C-alpha atoms as a PDB file:
ATOM      1  CA  UNK A   1       0.000   0.000   0.000  1.00  0.00           C
ATOM      2  CA  UNK A   2       2.850   2.379   0.848  1.00  0.00           C
ATOM      3  CA  UNK A   3       4.384   1.750  -2.546  1.00  0.00           C
ATOM      4  CA  UNK A   4       1.283   2.609  -4.622  1.00  0.00           C
ATOM      5  CA  UNK A   5      -0.623   5.098  -2.440  1.00  0.00           C
ATOM      6  CA  UNK A   6       0.959   8.166  -4.069  1.00  0.00           C
ATOM      7  CA  UNK A   7       0.165   6.796  -7.516  1.00  0.00           C
ATOM      8  CA  UNK A   8      -3.463   6.196  -6.507  1.00  0.00           C
ATOM      9  CA  UNK A   9      -3.798   9.720  -5.114  1.00  0.00           C
ATOM     10  CA  UNK A  10      -2.188  11.259  -8.186  1.00  0.00           C
ATOM     11  CA  UNK A  11      -4.583   9.344 -10.459  1.00  0.00           C
ATOM     12  CA  UNK A  12      -7.535  10.537  -8.369  1.00  0.00           C
ATOM     13  CA  UNK A  13      -6.304  14.127  -8.494  1.00  0.00           C
ATOM     14  CA  UNK A  14      -5.788  13.958 -12.280  1.00  0.00           C
ATOM     15  CA  UNK A  15      -9.246  12.476 -12.789  1.00  0.00           C
ATOM     16  CA  UNK A  16     -11.107  14.936 -10.588  1.00  0.00           C
ATOM     17  CA  UNK A  17      -8.994  18.021  -9.970  1.00  0.00           C
ATOM     18  CA  UNK A  18     -11.913  20.386  -9.252  1.00  0.00           C
ATOM     19  CA  UNK A  19     -13.377  18.057  -6.653  1.00  0.00           C
ATOM     20  CA  UNK A  20     -10.021  17.611  -4.925  1.00  0.00           C
ATOM     21  CA  UNK A  21      -9.361  21.354  -4.867  1.00  0.00           C
ATOM     22  CA  UNK A  22     -12.841  22.090  -3.537  1.00  0.00           C
ATOM     23  CA  UNK A  23     -12.736  19.444  -0.816  1.00  0.00           C
ATOM     24  CA  UNK A  24      -9.422  17.746   0.069  1.00  0.00           C
ATOM     25  CA  UNK A  25     -11.340  15.175   2.130  1.00  0.00           C
ATOM     26  CA  UNK A  26     -12.903  14.005  -1.137  1.00  0.00           C
ATOM     27  CA  UNK A  27      -9.495  12.759  -2.311  1.00  0.00           C
ATOM     28  CA  UNK A  28      -9.088  10.846   0.943  1.00  0.00           C
ATOM     29  CA  UNK A  29     -12.548   9.349   0.572  1.00  0.00           C
ATOM     30  CA  UNK A  30     -11.974   8.111  -2.964  1.00  0.00           C
ATOM     31  CA  UNK A  31      -8.497   6.789  -2.083  1.00  0.00           C
ATOM     32  CA  UNK A  32     -10.052   4.864   0.773  1.00  0.00           C
ATOM     33  CA  UNK A  33     -12.606   3.378  -1.636  1.00  0.00           C
ATOM     34  CA  UNK A  34      -9.784   2.303  -3.974  1.00  0.00           C
ATOM     35  CA  UNK A  35      -7.924   0.470  -1.204  1.00  0.00           C
ATOM     36  CA  UNK A  36     -11.094  -1.029   0.261  1.00  0.00           C
ATOM     37  CA  UNK A  37     -12.092  -2.312  -3.181  1.00  0.00           C
ATOM     38  CA  UNK A  38      -8.656  -3.759  -3.821  1.00  0.00           C
ATOM     39  CA  UNK A  39      -8.548  -5.564  -0.474  1.00  0.00           C
ATOM     40  CA  UNK A  40     -12.113  -6.806  -1.025  1.00  0.00           C
ATOM     41  CA  UNK A  41     -11.094  -8.228  -4.398  1.00  0.00           C
ATOM     42  CA  UNK A  42      -8.105  -9.995  -2.859  1.00  0.00           C
ATOM     43  CA  UNK A  43     -10.186 -11.416  -0.015  1.00  0.00           C
ATOM     44  CA  UNK A  44     -12.742 -12.832  -2.475  1.00  0.00           C
ATOM     45  CA  UNK A  45     -10.094 -14.286  -4.775  1.00  0.00           C
ATOM     46  CA  UNK A  46      -6.520 -14.323  -3.419  1.00  0.00           C
ATOM     47  CA  UNK A  47      -5.166 -15.487  -6.791  1.00  0.00           C
ATOM     48  CA  UNK A  48      -6.536 -12.462  -8.627  1.00  0.00           C
ATOM     49  CA  UNK A  49      -3.552 -10.160  -8.155  1.00  0.00           C
ATOM     50  CA  UNK A  50      -2.992  -8.559 -11.561  1.00  0.00           C
ATOM     51  CA  UNK A  51       0.397  -8.622 -13.210  1.00  0.00           C
ATOM     52  CA  UNK A  52       0.565  -4.865 -13.888  1.00  0.00           C
ATOM     53  CA  UNK A  53      -0.314  -3.321 -10.521  1.00  0.00           C
ATOM     54  CA  UNK A  54       0.358   0.289 -11.574  1.00  0.00           C
ATOM     55  CA  UNK A  55      -2.142   0.174 -14.411  1.00  0.00           C
ATOM     56  CA  UNK A  56      -4.606  -1.746 -12.264  1.00  0.00           C
ATOM     57  CA  UNK A  57      -4.512   0.875  -9.487  1.00  0.00           C
ATOM     58  CA  UNK A  58      -4.790   3.749 -11.966  1.00  0.00           C
ATOM     59  CA  UNK A  59      -7.860   2.155 -13.527  1.00  0.00           C
ATOM     60  CA  UNK A  60      -9.463   1.475 -10.141  1.00  0.00           C
ATOM     61  CA  UNK A  61      -8.803   5.082  -9.070  1.00  0.00           C
ATOM     62  CA  UNK A  62     -10.341   6.440 -12.248  1.00  0.00           C
ATOM     63  CA  UNK A  63     -13.389   4.196 -11.914  1.00  0.00           C
ATOM     64  CA  UNK A  64     -13.882   5.163  -8.270  1.00  0.00           C
ATOM     65  CA  UNK A  65     -13.711   8.859  -9.253  1.00  0.00           C
ATOM     66  CA  UNK A  66     -16.387   8.328 -11.867  1.00  0.00           C
ATOM     67  CA  UNK A  67     -18.539   6.429  -9.352  1.00  0.00           C
ATOM     68  CA  UNK A  68     -18.179   9.192  -6.765  1.00  0.00           C
ATOM     69  CA  UNK A  69     -19.031  11.871  -9.313  1.00  0.00           C
ATOM     70  CA  UNK A  70     -22.067   9.914 -10.454  1.00  0.00           C
ATOM     71  CA  UNK A  71     -23.272   9.683  -6.888  1.00  0.00           C
ATOM     72  CA  UNK A  72     -23.351  13.451  -7.026  1.00  0.00           C
ATOM     73  CA  UNK A  73     -21.467  14.133  -3.827  1.00  0.00           C
ATOM     74  CA  UNK A  74     -19.776  17.320  -4.998  1.00  0.00           C
ATOM     75  CA  UNK A  75     -21.330  18.452  -8.257  1.00  0.00           C
ATOM     76  CA  UNK A  76     -21.628  22.031  -7.008  1.00  0.00           C
ATOM     77  CA  UNK A  77     -17.862  22.626  -7.141  1.00  0.00           C
ATOM     78  CA  UNK A  78     -17.572  21.295 -10.657  1.00  0.00           C
ATOM     79  CA  UNK A  79     -20.632  23.232 -11.818  1.00  0.00           C
ATOM     80  CA  UNK A  80     -19.039  26.435 -10.521  1.00  0.00           C
ATOM     81  CA  UNK A  81     -16.198  25.892 -12.973  1.00  0.00           C
ATOM     82  CA  UNK A  82     -18.539  25.544 -15.946  1.00  0.00           C
ATOM     83  CA  UNK A  83     -18.722  21.803 -16.505  1.00  0.00           C
ATOM     84  CA  UNK A  84     -18.848  18.919 -14.116  1.00  0.00           C
ATOM     85  CA  UNK A  85     -15.883  16.588 -13.970  1.00  0.00           C
ATOM     86  CA  UNK A  86     -18.265  13.787 -14.862  1.00  0.00           C
ATOM     87  CA  UNK A  87     -19.066  15.408 -18.198  1.00  0.00           C
ATOM     88  CA  UNK A  88     -15.367  15.969 -18.846  1.00  0.00           C
ATOM     89  CA  UNK A  89     -14.619  12.332 -18.100  1.00  0.00           C
ATOM     90  CA  UNK A  90     -17.559  11.101 -20.158  1.00  0.00           C
ATOM     91  CA  UNK A  91     -16.687  13.205 -23.205  1.00  0.00           C
ATOM     92  CA  UNK A  92     -13.039  12.208 -23.182  1.00  0.00           C
ATOM     93  CA  UNK A  93     -12.905   9.305 -25.595  1.00  0.00           C
ATOM     94  CA  UNK A  94      -9.858   7.665 -24.113  1.00  0.00           C
ATOM     95  CA  UNK A  95      -7.981   8.869 -21.078  1.00  0.00           C
ATOM     96  CA  UNK A  96      -4.297   8.298 -20.640  1.00  0.00           C
ATOM     97  CA  UNK A  97      -5.114   5.563 -18.158  1.00  0.00           C
ATOM     98  CA  UNK A  98      -7.309   3.688 -20.610  1.00  0.00           C
ATOM     99  CA  UNK A  99      -4.686   3.974 -23.331  1.00  0.00           C
ATOM    100  CA  UNK A 100      -1.992   2.551 -21.027  1.00  0.00           C
ATOM    101  CA  UNK A 101      -4.224  -0.317 -20.024  1.00  0.00           C
ATOM    102  CA  UNK A 102      -5.246  -1.065 -23.599  1.00  0.00           C
ATOM    103  CA  UNK A 103      -1.625  -0.956 -24.791  1.00  0.00           C
ATOM    104  CA  UNK A 104      -0.660  -3.551 -22.198  1.00  0.00           C
ATOM    105  CA  UNK A 105      -3.629  -5.714 -23.184  1.00  0.00           C
ATOM    106  CA  UNK A 106      -2.746  -5.473 -26.876  1.00  0.00           C
ATOM    107  CA  UNK A 107       0.868  -6.382 -26.177  1.00  0.00           C
ATOM    108  CA  UNK A 108      -0.195  -9.456 -24.211  1.00  0.00           C
ATOM    109  CA  UNK A 109      -2.676 -10.476 -26.899  1.00  0.00           C
ATOM    110  CA  UNK A 110      -0.104 -10.075 -29.690  1.00  0.00           C
ATOM    111  CA  UNK A 111       2.324 -12.223 -27.749  1.00  0.00           C
ATOM    112  CA  UNK A 112      -0.329 -14.921 -27.359  1.00  0.00           C
ATOM    113  CA  UNK A 113      -1.323 -14.757 -31.036  1.00  0.00           C
ATOM    114  CA  UNK A 114       2.329 -15.174 -32.048  1.00  0.00           C
ATOM    115  CA  UNK A 115       2.420 -18.497 -30.139  1.00  0.00           C
ATOM    116  CA  UNK A 116      -0.535 -19.954 -32.077  1.00  0.00           C
ATOM    117  CA  UNK A 117      -0.148 -22.322 -35.000  1.00  0.00           C
ATOM    118  CA  UNK A 118       0.098 -20.724 -38.463  1.00  0.00           C
ATOM    119  CA  UNK A 119      -3.484 -21.797 -39.263  1.00  0.00           C
ATOM    120  CA  UNK A 120      -4.811 -20.236 -36.067  1.00  0.00           C
ATOM    121  CA  UNK A 121      -2.834 -17.033 -36.695  1.00  0.00           C
ATOM    122  CA  UNK A 122      -4.369 -16.851 -40.176  1.00  0.00           C
ATOM    123  CA  UNK A 123      -7.811 -17.165 -38.612  1.00  0.00           C
ATOM    124  CA  UNK A 124      -6.950 -14.388 -36.133  1.00  0.00           C
ATOM    125  CA  UNK A 125      -5.993 -12.145 -39.041  1.00  0.00           C
ATOM    126  CA  UNK A 126      -9.667 -12.227 -40.029  1.00  0.00           C
ATOM    127  CA  UNK A 127     -10.979 -10.879 -36.698  1.00  0.00           C
ATOM    128  CA  UNK A 128     -12.605  -7.782 -38.274  1.00  0.00           C
ATOM    129  CA  UNK A 129     -14.789 -10.086 -40.399  1.00  0.00           C
ATOM    130  CA  UNK A 130     -15.424 -12.475 -37.503  1.00  0.00           C
ATOM    131  CA  UNK A 131     -16.584  -9.662 -35.219  1.00  0.00           C
ATOM    132  CA  UNK A 132     -19.096  -8.643 -37.862  1.00  0.00           C
ATOM    133  CA  UNK A 133     -20.194 -12.297 -38.291  1.00  0.00           C
ATOM    134  CA  UNK A 134     -19.068 -12.400 -41.910  1.00  0.00           C
ATOM    135  CA  UNK A 135     -18.082 -16.044 -41.737  1.00  0.00           C
ATOM    136  CA  UNK A 136     -18.468 -16.591 -45.452  1.00  0.00           C
ATOM    137  CA  UNK A 137     -15.901 -13.834 -46.169  1.00  0.00           C
ATOM    138  CA  UNK A 138     -13.483 -15.418 -43.677  1.00  0.00           C
ATOM    139  CA  UNK A 139     -13.926 -18.789 -45.334  1.00  0.00           C
ATOM    140  CA  UNK A 140     -13.226 -17.341 -48.767  1.00  0.00           C
ATOM    141  CA  UNK A 141     -10.121 -15.493 -47.552  1.00  0.00           C
ATOM    142  CA  UNK A 142      -8.713 -18.638 -45.933  1.00  0.00           C
ATOM    143  CA  UNK A 143     -10.004 -21.020 -48.589  1.00  0.00           C
ATOM    144  CA  UNK A 144     -12.032 -22.945 -46.002  1.00  0.00           C
ATOM    145  CA  UNK A 145     -15.704 -23.725 -45.701  1.00  0.00           C
ATOM    146  CA  UNK A 146     -17.815 -21.449 -43.530  1.00  0.00           C
ATOM    147  CA  UNK A 147     -18.639 -24.344 -41.191  1.00  0.00           C
ATOM    148  CA  UNK A 148     -14.937 -25.143 -40.726  1.00  0.00           C
ATOM    149  CA  UNK A 149     -14.199 -21.542 -39.821  1.00  0.00           C
ATOM    150  CA  UNK A 150     -17.117 -21.432 -37.374  1.00  0.00           C
ATOM    151  CA  UNK A 151     -16.065 -24.674 -35.715  1.00  0.00           C
ATOM    152  CA  UNK A 152     -12.379 -23.708 -35.409  1.00  0.00           C
ATOM    153  CA  UNK A 153     -12.928 -20.213 -34.015  1.00  0.00           C
ATOM    154  CA  UNK A 154     -14.065 -21.214 -30.466  1.00  0.00           C
ATOM    155  CA  UNK A 155     -10.921 -23.322 -30.064  1.00  0.00           C
ATOM    156  CA  UNK A 156      -8.714 -20.399 -31.076  1.00  0.00           C
ATOM    157  CA  UNK A 157     -10.521 -18.163 -28.605  1.00  0.00           C
ATOM    158  CA  UNK A 158     -10.034 -20.733 -25.831  1.00  0.00           C
ATOM    159  CA  UNK A 159      -6.306 -21.012 -26.566  1.00  0.00           C
ATOM    160  CA  UNK A 160      -5.954 -17.214 -26.495  1.00  0.00           C
ATOM    161  CA  UNK A 161      -7.882 -16.987 -23.217  1.00  0.00           C
ATOM    162  CA  UNK A 162      -5.702 -19.669 -21.646  1.00  0.00           C
ATOM    163  CA  UNK A 163      -2.554 -17.890 -22.794  1.00  0.00           C
ATOM    164  CA  UNK A 164      -3.767 -14.536 -21.451  1.00  0.00           C
ATOM    165  CA  UNK A 165      -4.696 -16.098 -18.122  1.00  0.00           C
ATOM    166  CA  UNK A 166      -1.271 -17.693 -17.816  1.00  0.00           C
ATOM    167  CA  UNK A 167       0.380 -14.330 -18.598  1.00  0.00           C
ATOM    168  CA  UNK A 168      -1.781 -12.560 -16.019  1.00  0.00           C
ATOM    169  CA  UNK A 169      -0.920 -15.145 -13.371  1.00  0.00           C
ATOM    170  CA  UNK A 170       2.808 -15.140 -14.127  1.00  0.00           C
END
């Protein structure tokens, strides 16, 4: 806790500067929620410690800020500055914290995809079509029948999930 408390507080301050400046106890309250949530998660599942703790704490802090703002505890301070912090957070397409988290996820996923067989990697290259349920297009691109593609895809997904779980545990 000593190691990451400053990071948590900085993330809270960055996510809700107006609230923190208006009421310093608000920062303490949200930080307490972050630590309580983290300890609750560990007590429910002791094996769930994430691999990238910094990103995990930043994301928890951001989410707790959004929750607190939604509860409407201190909307008056934000309204005095023109817009509420909630609106600012909602209109921001991707915060720095989300981008960091997504970059780590993409890196892990790419590593797992690279360990698949060549046939499975070829199937993964068709993910845009698969997401849109264009199985026939995937089959044509890979010179396979639609039913073969549909039957192979769940296995590829399972192998990727298993790889990602192993990487998160290790």
